[in-house]
C-alpha atoms as a PDB file:
ATOM      1  CA  MET A   1      10.255  10.333   9.052  1.00  0.00           C
ATOM      2  CA  ARG A   2       9.591  10.785   5.993  1.00  0.00           C
ATOM      3  CA  PRO A   3       7.406  13.678   4.064  1.00  0.00           C
ATOM      4  CA  ASN A   4       4.156  14.206   4.505  1.00  0.00           C
ATOM      5  CA  ASP A   5       4.317  10.763   7.337  1.00  0.00           C
ATOM      6  CA  LEU A   6       3.367  13.965  10.628  1.00  0.00           C
ATOM      7  CA  ASP A   7       0.313  15.085   8.540  1.00  0.00           C
ATOM      8  CA  ALA A   8      -0.919  10.943   7.194  1.00  0.00           C
ATOM      9  CA  LEU A   9      -0.733  10.521  11.354  1.00  0.00           C
ATOM     10  CA  ASN A  10      -2.364  14.092  12.153  1.00  0.00           C
ATOM     11  CA  GLU A  11      -5.398  12.261   9.437  1.00  0.00           C
ATOM     12  CA  LEU A  12      -5.904   9.751  11.461  1.00  0.00           C
ATOM     13  CA  LEU A  13      -5.762  10.412  14.964  1.00  0.00           C
ATOM     14  CA  ALA A  14      -8.052  12.877  13.914  1.00  0.00           C
ATOM     15  CA  ILE A  15     -10.624   9.848  12.292  1.00  0.00           C
ATOM     16  CA  LEU A  16      -9.850   7.605  15.285  1.00  0.00           C
ATOM     17  CA  ALA A  17     -11.338  11.315  18.056  1.00  0.00           C
ATOM     18  CA  GLU A  18     -14.223  11.561  15.500  1.00  0.00           C
ATOM     19  CA  HIS A  19     -15.221   7.714  15.787  1.00  0.00           C
ATOM     20  CA  PRO A  20     -14.478   7.335  19.788  1.00  0.00           C
ATOM     21  CA  SER A  21     -14.568   3.881  21.140  1.00  0.00           C
ATOM     22  CA  PRO A  22     -12.999   1.349  23.362  1.00  0.00           C
ATOM     23  CA  GLU A  23     -10.931  -0.206  20.567  1.00  0.00           C
ATOM     24  CA  ASN A  24     -10.399   3.190  18.611  1.00  0.00           C
ATOM     25  CA  ASP A  25      -9.428   4.379  21.741  1.00  0.00           C
ATOM     26  CA  TYR A  26      -6.439   1.922  22.425  1.00  0.00           C
ATOM     27  CA  VAL A  27      -4.908   2.189  18.833  1.00  0.00           C
ATOM     28  CA  ARG A  28      -5.434   6.808  19.491  1.00  0.00           C
ATOM     29  CA  GLU A  29      -3.830   5.900  22.883  1.00  0.00           C
ATOM     30  CA  HIS A  30      -0.742   4.567  20.738  1.00  0.00           C
ATOM     31  CA  LEU A  31      -0.264   6.842  17.571  1.00  0.00           C
ATOM     32  CA  GLU A  32      -0.573  10.280  20.036  1.00  0.00           C
ATOM     33  CA  GLY A  33       2.814   8.494  21.985  1.00  0.00           C
ATOM     34  CA  VAL A  34       4.352   8.036  18.540  1.00  0.00           C
ATOM     35  CA  ARG A  35       3.397  11.201  16.979  1.00  0.00           C
ATOM     36  CA  PHE A  36       5.256  12.974  20.452  1.00  0.00           C
ATOM     37  CA  TYR A  37       8.481  10.855  19.128  1.00  0.00           C
ATOM     38  CA  MET A  38       8.330  11.350  15.837  1.00  0.00           C
ATOM     39  CA  THR A  39       8.165  14.917  16.602  1.00  0.00           C
ATOM     40  CA  GLY A  40      11.479  14.877  18.498  1.00  0.00           C
ATOM     41  CA  ALA A  41      14.788  12.141  19.174  1.00  0.00           C
ATOM     42  CA  MET A  42      13.670   9.597  21.110  1.00  0.00           C
ATOM     43  CA  PRO A  43      13.315   6.703  18.656  1.00  0.00           C
ATOM     44  CA  TYR A  44      13.059   3.422  21.247  1.00  0.00           C
ATOM     45  CA  GLU A  45      10.170   4.887  22.337  1.00  0.00           C
ATOM     46  CA  MET A  46       9.032   5.584  18.767  1.00  0.00           C
ATOM     47  CA  ALA A  47       9.243   2.599  17.715  1.00  0.00           C
ATOM     48  CA  LEU A  48       7.399   0.755  21.015  1.00  0.00           C
ATOM     49  CA  ASN A  49       4.483   2.701  20.366  1.00  0.00           C
ATOM     50  CA  LEU A  50       4.720   1.218  17.147  1.00  0.00           C
ATOM     51  CA  LYS A  51       4.969  -2.036  18.093  1.00  0.00           C
ATOM     52  CA  MET A  52       2.196  -1.391  20.503  1.00  0.00           C
ATOM     53  CA  ALA A  53      -0.859  -0.022  18.259  1.00  0.00           C
ATOM     54  CA  GLU A  54       0.405  -2.244  15.372  1.00  0.00           C
ATOM     55  CA  GLU A  55      -1.192  -5.257  18.681  1.00  0.00           C
ATOM     56  CA  ALA A  56      -4.230  -2.333  19.316  1.00  0.00           C
ATOM     57  CA  VAL A  57      -4.387  -2.521  15.742  1.00  0.00           C
ATOM     58  CA  GLY A  58      -6.135  -5.932  15.086  1.00  0.00           C
ATOM     59  CA  ALA A  59      -9.442  -4.906  18.005  1.00  0.00           C
ATOM     60  CA  LEU A  60     -10.724  -2.187  15.164  1.00  0.00           C
ATOM     61  CA  LYS A  61     -13.575  -2.452  13.855  1.00  0.00           C
ATOM     62  CA  ASP A  62     -13.262  -0.315  10.602  1.00  0.00           C
ATOM     63  CA  HIS A  63     -11.423  -2.453   7.848  1.00  0.00           C
ATOM     64  CA  ASP A  64     -10.056   0.785   6.034  1.00  0.00           C
ATOM     65  CA  LEU A  65      -9.045   2.165   8.455  1.00  0.00           C
ATOM     66  CA  LYS A  66      -7.433  -0.487   9.924  1.00  0.00           C
ATOM     67  CA  ALA A  67      -5.442  -0.800   6.195  1.00  0.00           C
ATOM     68  CA  ARG A  68      -4.594   2.509   6.764  1.00  0.00           C
ATOM     69  CA  ILE A  69      -3.055   2.420   9.877  1.00  0.00           C
ATOM     70  CA  GLU A  70      -1.117  -1.003   9.607  1.00  0.00           C
ATOM     71  CA  ARG A  71       0.096   0.528   6.069  1.00  0.00           C
ATOM     72  CA  PHE A  72       1.522   3.137   7.874  1.00  0.00           C
ATOM     73  CA  ILE A  73       2.913   1.364  10.919  1.00  0.00           C
ATOM     74  CA  GLU A  74       4.893  -0.377   8.192  1.00  0.00           C
ATOM     75  CA  ALA A  75       5.784   2.631   6.179  1.00  0.00           C
ATOM     76  CA  GLN A  76       7.365   3.878   9.780  1.00  0.00           C
ATOM     77  CA  SER A  77       9.234   0.355  10.356  1.00  0.00           C
ATOM     78  CA  ARG A  78      11.215   0.119   7.740  1.00  0.00           C
ATOM     79  CA  PRO A  79      14.829   2.199   6.880  1.00  0.00           C
ATOM     80  CA  VAL A  80      14.657   6.177   5.667  1.00  0.00           C
END
């Protein structure tokens, strides 16, 4: 985990929660899983939730939020 990753994730989760919709809720569900595993020691489960969030993010209507989430997912997928 890189510095400020948890802060960035918490911010994205808050934005998704402020604008509930089926698409936002689905992405938020997977990112909440990422948050849970990010703070623990389960890298495979975190990777699975990142993959599922990446697949779900395409349905988001807010293009700016979609791009921010995609950048976050990409950053988490790179080696530290």
